[in-house]
C-alpha cells in the first residue's frame, strides 16, 4: 500500500508524522523497526455479558501493531497525531493485557498536545499522566529524553 501526501510518497509509513519521526531517528543514528510485530490483547466490550459465567467483565480478542520498536532501548513507541477515545481505550487495553508491552517499555510521541474532548477539559498529556503512561510532545522532546 502506498500512502501519498500532497508532494511526496511516505511509504511504508501510515502518516507523515510517522515518516518524520522515522527520518529524525535515522538522523540521530537510532536503530528502529517499523511495525515489527502484532501483539495480541483483549479489547473490552461495553455492556457485554459472559454466557458461561454471567460476568460483566468481558472483551474480544484483538491485535495491536505498535509503530516502532527500538531494540537498543528495548522500547515500543507509538507516534500519534489525532488520538480518539477509541484509541485511548485500545491503548489502555494493550497495556493492561498480559503481553510484552507494558508501562515500563512503552512511550507515546504526540504531534501536538491536543484536547481529548471538545469541551477542553483535559489534554492528551493530562490523560497520560492520570494513567501513568510516559509520553513526549514532539519528536525532538522524545529524542532528547531518550538520550538522557
C-alpha atoms as a PDB file:
ATOM      1  CA  UNK A   1       0.000   0.000   0.000  1.00  0.00           C
ATOM      2  CA  UNK A   2       1.416   3.354  -0.992  1.00  0.00           C
ATOM      3  CA  UNK A   3       0.481   6.399   1.058  1.00  0.00           C
ATOM      4  CA  UNK A   4       0.883   9.749  -0.662  1.00  0.00           C
ATOM      5  CA  UNK A   5       0.838  13.243   0.717  1.00  0.00           C
ATOM      6  CA  UNK A   6       0.426  16.348  -1.408  1.00  0.00           C
ATOM      7  CA  UNK A   7       4.043  16.392  -2.515  1.00  0.00           C
ATOM      8  CA  UNK A   8       5.712  13.007  -1.989  1.00  0.00           C
ATOM      9  CA  UNK A   9       5.355   9.336  -1.126  1.00  0.00           C
ATOM     10  CA  UNK A  10       5.754   8.421   2.576  1.00  0.00           C
ATOM     11  CA  UNK A  11       5.611   4.619   2.198  1.00  0.00           C
ATOM     12  CA  UNK A  12       5.800   2.392   4.172  1.00  0.00           C
ATOM     13  CA  UNK A  13       4.549   4.762   6.902  1.00  0.00           C
ATOM     14  CA  UNK A  14       0.866   5.388   7.535  1.00  0.00           C
ATOM     15  CA  UNK A  15       1.195   9.100   8.276  1.00  0.00           C
ATOM     16  CA  UNK A  16       3.519  11.969   7.589  1.00  0.00           C
ATOM     17  CA  UNK A  17       4.195  12.256  11.326  1.00  0.00           C
ATOM     18  CA  UNK A  18       5.426   8.636  11.414  1.00  0.00           C
ATOM     19  CA  UNK A  19       7.580   9.385   8.364  1.00  0.00           C
ATOM     20  CA  UNK A  20       9.089  12.472  10.038  1.00  0.00           C
ATOM     21  CA  UNK A  21       9.646  10.513  13.257  1.00  0.00           C
ATOM     22  CA  UNK A  22      11.480   7.721  11.397  1.00  0.00           C
ATOM     23  CA  UNK A  23      13.632  10.223   9.486  1.00  0.00           C
ATOM     24  CA  UNK A  24      14.659  12.056  12.651  1.00  0.00           C
ATOM     25  CA  UNK A  25      15.517   8.803  14.413  1.00  0.00           C
ATOM     26  CA  UNK A  26      17.638   7.883  11.401  1.00  0.00           C
ATOM     27  CA  UNK A  27      19.377  11.275  11.560  1.00  0.00           C
ATOM     28  CA  UNK A  28      20.205  10.615  15.230  1.00  0.00           C
ATOM     29  CA  UNK A  29      21.535   7.144  14.378  1.00  0.00           C
ATOM     30  CA  UNK A  30      18.824   5.351  16.349  1.00  0.00           C
ATOM     31  CA  UNK A  31      18.114   1.851  15.058  1.00  0.00           C
ATOM     32  CA  UNK A  32      14.412   1.007  14.851  1.00  0.00           C
ATOM     33  CA  UNK A  33      11.963  -1.392  13.246  1.00  0.00           C
ATOM     34  CA  UNK A  34       8.678  -0.124  11.840  1.00  0.00           C
ATOM     35  CA  UNK A  35       5.542  -2.132  12.705  1.00  0.00           C
ATOM     36  CA  UNK A  36       7.792  -5.050  13.655  1.00  0.00           C
ATOM     37  CA  UNK A  37       5.089  -7.331  15.091  1.00  0.00           C
ATOM     38  CA  UNK A  38       1.458  -7.751  16.047  1.00  0.00           C
ATOM     39  CA  UNK A  39       0.683  -8.125  19.729  1.00  0.00           C
ATOM     40  CA  UNK A  40      -2.491  -9.861  20.965  1.00  0.00           C
ATOM     41  CA  UNK A  41      -4.646  -8.162  23.594  1.00  0.00           C
ATOM     42  CA  UNK A  42      -8.178  -8.227  24.981  1.00  0.00           C
ATOM     43  CA  UNK A  43     -10.339  -5.249  23.912  1.00  0.00           C
ATOM     44  CA  UNK A  44     -13.078  -4.513  26.485  1.00  0.00           C
ATOM     45  CA  UNK A  45     -16.701  -4.880  25.384  1.00  0.00           C
ATOM     46  CA  UNK A  46     -19.165  -2.422  26.911  1.00  0.00           C
ATOM     47  CA  UNK A  47     -22.391  -3.783  28.337  1.00  0.00           C
ATOM     48  CA  UNK A  48     -21.334  -7.343  27.475  1.00  0.00           C
ATOM     49  CA  UNK A  49     -22.111 -10.450  29.480  1.00  0.00           C
ATOM     50  CA  UNK A  50     -20.234 -13.737  29.528  1.00  0.00           C
ATOM     51  CA  UNK A  51     -22.635 -16.513  28.506  1.00  0.00           C
ATOM     52  CA  UNK A  52     -20.764 -19.081  30.618  1.00  0.00           C
ATOM     53  CA  UNK A  53     -20.449 -17.330  33.973  1.00  0.00           C
ATOM     54  CA  UNK A  54     -22.558 -14.161  33.694  1.00  0.00           C
ATOM     55  CA  UNK A  55     -19.591 -11.826  34.296  1.00  0.00           C
ATOM     56  CA  UNK A  56     -19.876  -8.261  33.023  1.00  0.00           C
ATOM     57  CA  UNK A  57     -16.064  -8.047  32.610  1.00  0.00           C
ATOM     58  CA  UNK A  58     -15.766  -9.311  29.018  1.00  0.00           C
ATOM     59  CA  UNK A  59     -13.747  -8.491  25.937  1.00  0.00           C
ATOM     60  CA  UNK A  60     -12.858  -9.603  22.449  1.00  0.00           C
ATOM     61  CA  UNK A  61      -9.534 -10.820  21.132  1.00  0.00           C
ATOM     62  CA  UNK A  62      -7.705  -8.242  19.023  1.00  0.00           C
ATOM     63  CA  UNK A  63      -4.219  -7.451  17.735  1.00  0.00           C
ATOM     64  CA  UNK A  64      -2.206  -4.261  18.084  1.00  0.00           C
ATOM     65  CA  UNK A  65       0.741  -3.272  15.889  1.00  0.00           C
ATOM     66  CA  UNK A  66       2.974  -0.705  17.603  1.00  0.00           C
ATOM     67  CA  UNK A  67       4.541   1.841  15.261  1.00  0.00           C
ATOM     68  CA  UNK A  68       8.181   1.487  16.268  1.00  0.00           C
ATOM     69  CA  UNK A  69      10.434  -0.926  18.138  1.00  0.00           C
ATOM     70  CA  UNK A  70      13.760   0.494  19.355  1.00  0.00           C
ATOM     71  CA  UNK A  71      15.895  -2.600  20.098  1.00  0.00           C
ATOM     72  CA  UNK A  72      18.827  -0.769  21.721  1.00  0.00           C
ATOM     73  CA  UNK A  73      16.424   0.871  24.204  1.00  0.00           C
ATOM     74  CA  UNK A  74      14.007  -2.096  24.442  1.00  0.00           C
ATOM     75  CA  UNK A  75      11.180   0.350  23.855  1.00  0.00           C
ATOM     76  CA  UNK A  76       7.894   0.319  21.921  1.00  0.00           C
ATOM     77  CA  UNK A  77       6.889   3.744  20.572  1.00  0.00           C
ATOM     78  CA  UNK A  78       3.549   4.924  19.219  1.00  0.00           C
ATOM     79  CA  UNK A  79       3.579   8.127  17.130  1.00  0.00           C
ATOM     80  CA  UNK A  80       0.209   9.879  17.416  1.00  0.00           C
ATOM     81  CA  UNK A  81      -1.443  12.759  15.655  1.00  0.00           C
ATOM     82  CA  UNK A  82      -5.171  12.623  16.444  1.00  0.00           C
ATOM     83  CA  UNK A  83      -5.983  10.301  19.359  1.00  0.00           C
ATOM     84  CA  UNK A  84      -9.644   9.371  19.673  1.00  0.00           C
ATOM     85  CA  UNK A  85     -11.473   7.919  22.659  1.00  0.00           C
ATOM     86  CA  UNK A  86     -11.421   4.505  20.976  1.00  0.00           C
ATOM     87  CA  UNK A  87      -7.654   4.853  20.528  1.00  0.00           C
ATOM     88  CA  UNK A  88      -7.198   5.674  24.216  1.00  0.00           C
ATOM     89  CA  UNK A  89      -9.346   2.669  25.188  1.00  0.00           C
ATOM     90  CA  UNK A  90      -7.233   0.459  22.940  1.00  0.00           C
ATOM     91  CA  UNK A  91      -4.000   1.794  24.435  1.00  0.00           C
ATOM     92  CA  UNK A  92      -5.197   1.012  27.971  1.00  0.00           C
ATOM     93  CA  UNK A  93      -6.388  -2.450  26.915  1.00  0.00           C
ATOM     94  CA  UNK A  94      -2.995  -3.234  25.348  1.00  0.00           C
ATOM     95  CA  UNK A  95      -1.095  -2.017  28.416  1.00  0.00           C
ATOM     96  CA  UNK A  96      -3.388  -3.958  30.781  1.00  0.00           C
ATOM     97  CA  UNK A  97      -3.202  -7.208  28.803  1.00  0.00           C
ATOM     98  CA  UNK A  98      -0.612  -9.821  29.621  1.00  0.00           C
ATOM     99  CA  UNK A  99       1.703  -9.317  26.654  1.00  0.00           C
ATOM    100  CA  UNK A 100       5.178  -7.929  26.001  1.00  0.00           C
ATOM    101  CA  UNK A 101       4.051  -4.277  26.030  1.00  0.00           C
ATOM    102  CA  UNK A 102       3.662  -2.581  29.425  1.00  0.00           C
ATOM    103  CA  UNK A 103       4.065   0.814  31.079  1.00  0.00           C
ATOM    104  CA  UNK A 104       7.820   0.376  31.542  1.00  0.00           C
ATOM    105  CA  UNK A 105       8.648  -0.305  27.869  1.00  0.00           C
ATOM    106  CA  UNK A 106       6.057   1.857  26.059  1.00  0.00           C
ATOM    107  CA  UNK A 107       6.102   5.536  25.058  1.00  0.00           C
ATOM    108  CA  UNK A 108       3.736   7.736  23.086  1.00  0.00           C
ATOM    109  CA  UNK A 109       5.026  10.632  20.999  1.00  0.00           C
ATOM    110  CA  UNK A 110       2.338  13.194  20.210  1.00  0.00           C
ATOM    111  CA  UNK A 111       2.485  15.598  17.307  1.00  0.00           C
ATOM    112  CA  UNK A 112       0.602  18.156  19.434  1.00  0.00           C
ATOM    113  CA  UNK A 113      -0.826  18.174  22.959  1.00  0.00           C
ATOM    114  CA  UNK A 114      -4.445  18.343  21.798  1.00  0.00           C
ATOM    115  CA  UNK A 115      -7.632  18.300  23.856  1.00  0.00           C
ATOM    116  CA  UNK A 116      -9.255  14.909  24.448  1.00  0.00           C
ATOM    117  CA  UNK A 117     -12.772  16.363  24.074  1.00  0.00           C
ATOM    118  CA  UNK A 118     -14.481  19.348  22.521  1.00  0.00           C
ATOM    119  CA  UNK A 119     -15.206  20.749  25.987  1.00  0.00           C
ATOM    120  CA  UNK A 120     -11.468  21.306  26.566  1.00  0.00           C
ATOM    121  CA  UNK A 121     -11.323  19.695  29.986  1.00  0.00           C
ATOM    122  CA  UNK A 122      -8.268  17.506  29.508  1.00  0.00           C
ATOM    123  CA  UNK A 123      -5.291  17.327  27.155  1.00  0.00           C
ATOM    124  CA  UNK A 124      -3.501  14.207  25.902  1.00  0.00           C
ATOM    125  CA  UNK A 125      -0.668  14.873  28.359  1.00  0.00           C
ATOM    126  CA  UNK A 126      -3.050  15.099  31.341  1.00  0.00           C
ATOM    127  CA  UNK A 127      -4.761  11.872  30.334  1.00  0.00           C
ATOM    128  CA  UNK A 128      -1.392  10.080  30.064  1.00  0.00           C
ATOM    129  CA  UNK A 129      -0.300  11.460  33.453  1.00  0.00           C
ATOM    130  CA  UNK A 130      -3.507  10.113  35.029  1.00  0.00           C
ATOM    131  CA  UNK A 131      -2.881   6.669  33.501  1.00  0.00           C
ATOM    132  CA  UNK A 132       0.847   6.571  34.284  1.00  0.00           C
ATOM    133  CA  UNK A 133       1.827   6.476  30.599  1.00  0.00           C
ATOM    134  CA  UNK A 134       5.115   8.140  29.632  1.00  0.00           C
ATOM    135  CA  UNK A 135       4.831  10.489  26.656  1.00  0.00           C
ATOM    136  CA  UNK A 136       6.548  13.269  24.755  1.00  0.00           C
ATOM    137  CA  UNK A 137       5.040  16.134  22.818  1.00  0.00           C
ATOM    138  CA  UNK A 138       7.054  16.499  19.651  1.00  0.00           C
ATOM    139  CA  UNK A 139       9.782  14.361  18.150  1.00  0.00           C
ATOM    140  CA  UNK A 140      12.671  16.475  19.472  1.00  0.00           C
ATOM    141  CA  UNK A 141      11.451  16.175  23.072  1.00  0.00           C
ATOM    142  CA  UNK A 142      11.304  12.385  22.725  1.00  0.00           C
ATOM    143  CA  UNK A 143      14.769  12.141  21.206  1.00  0.00           C
ATOM    144  CA  UNK A 144      16.317  14.334  23.922  1.00  0.00           C
ATOM    145  CA  UNK A 145      14.704  12.287  26.708  1.00  0.00           C
ATOM    146  CA  UNK A 146      15.836   9.073  25.006  1.00  0.00           C
ATOM    147  CA  UNK A 147      19.458  10.178  25.054  1.00  0.00           C
ATOM    148  CA  UNK A 148      19.432  11.001  28.797  1.00  0.00           C
END
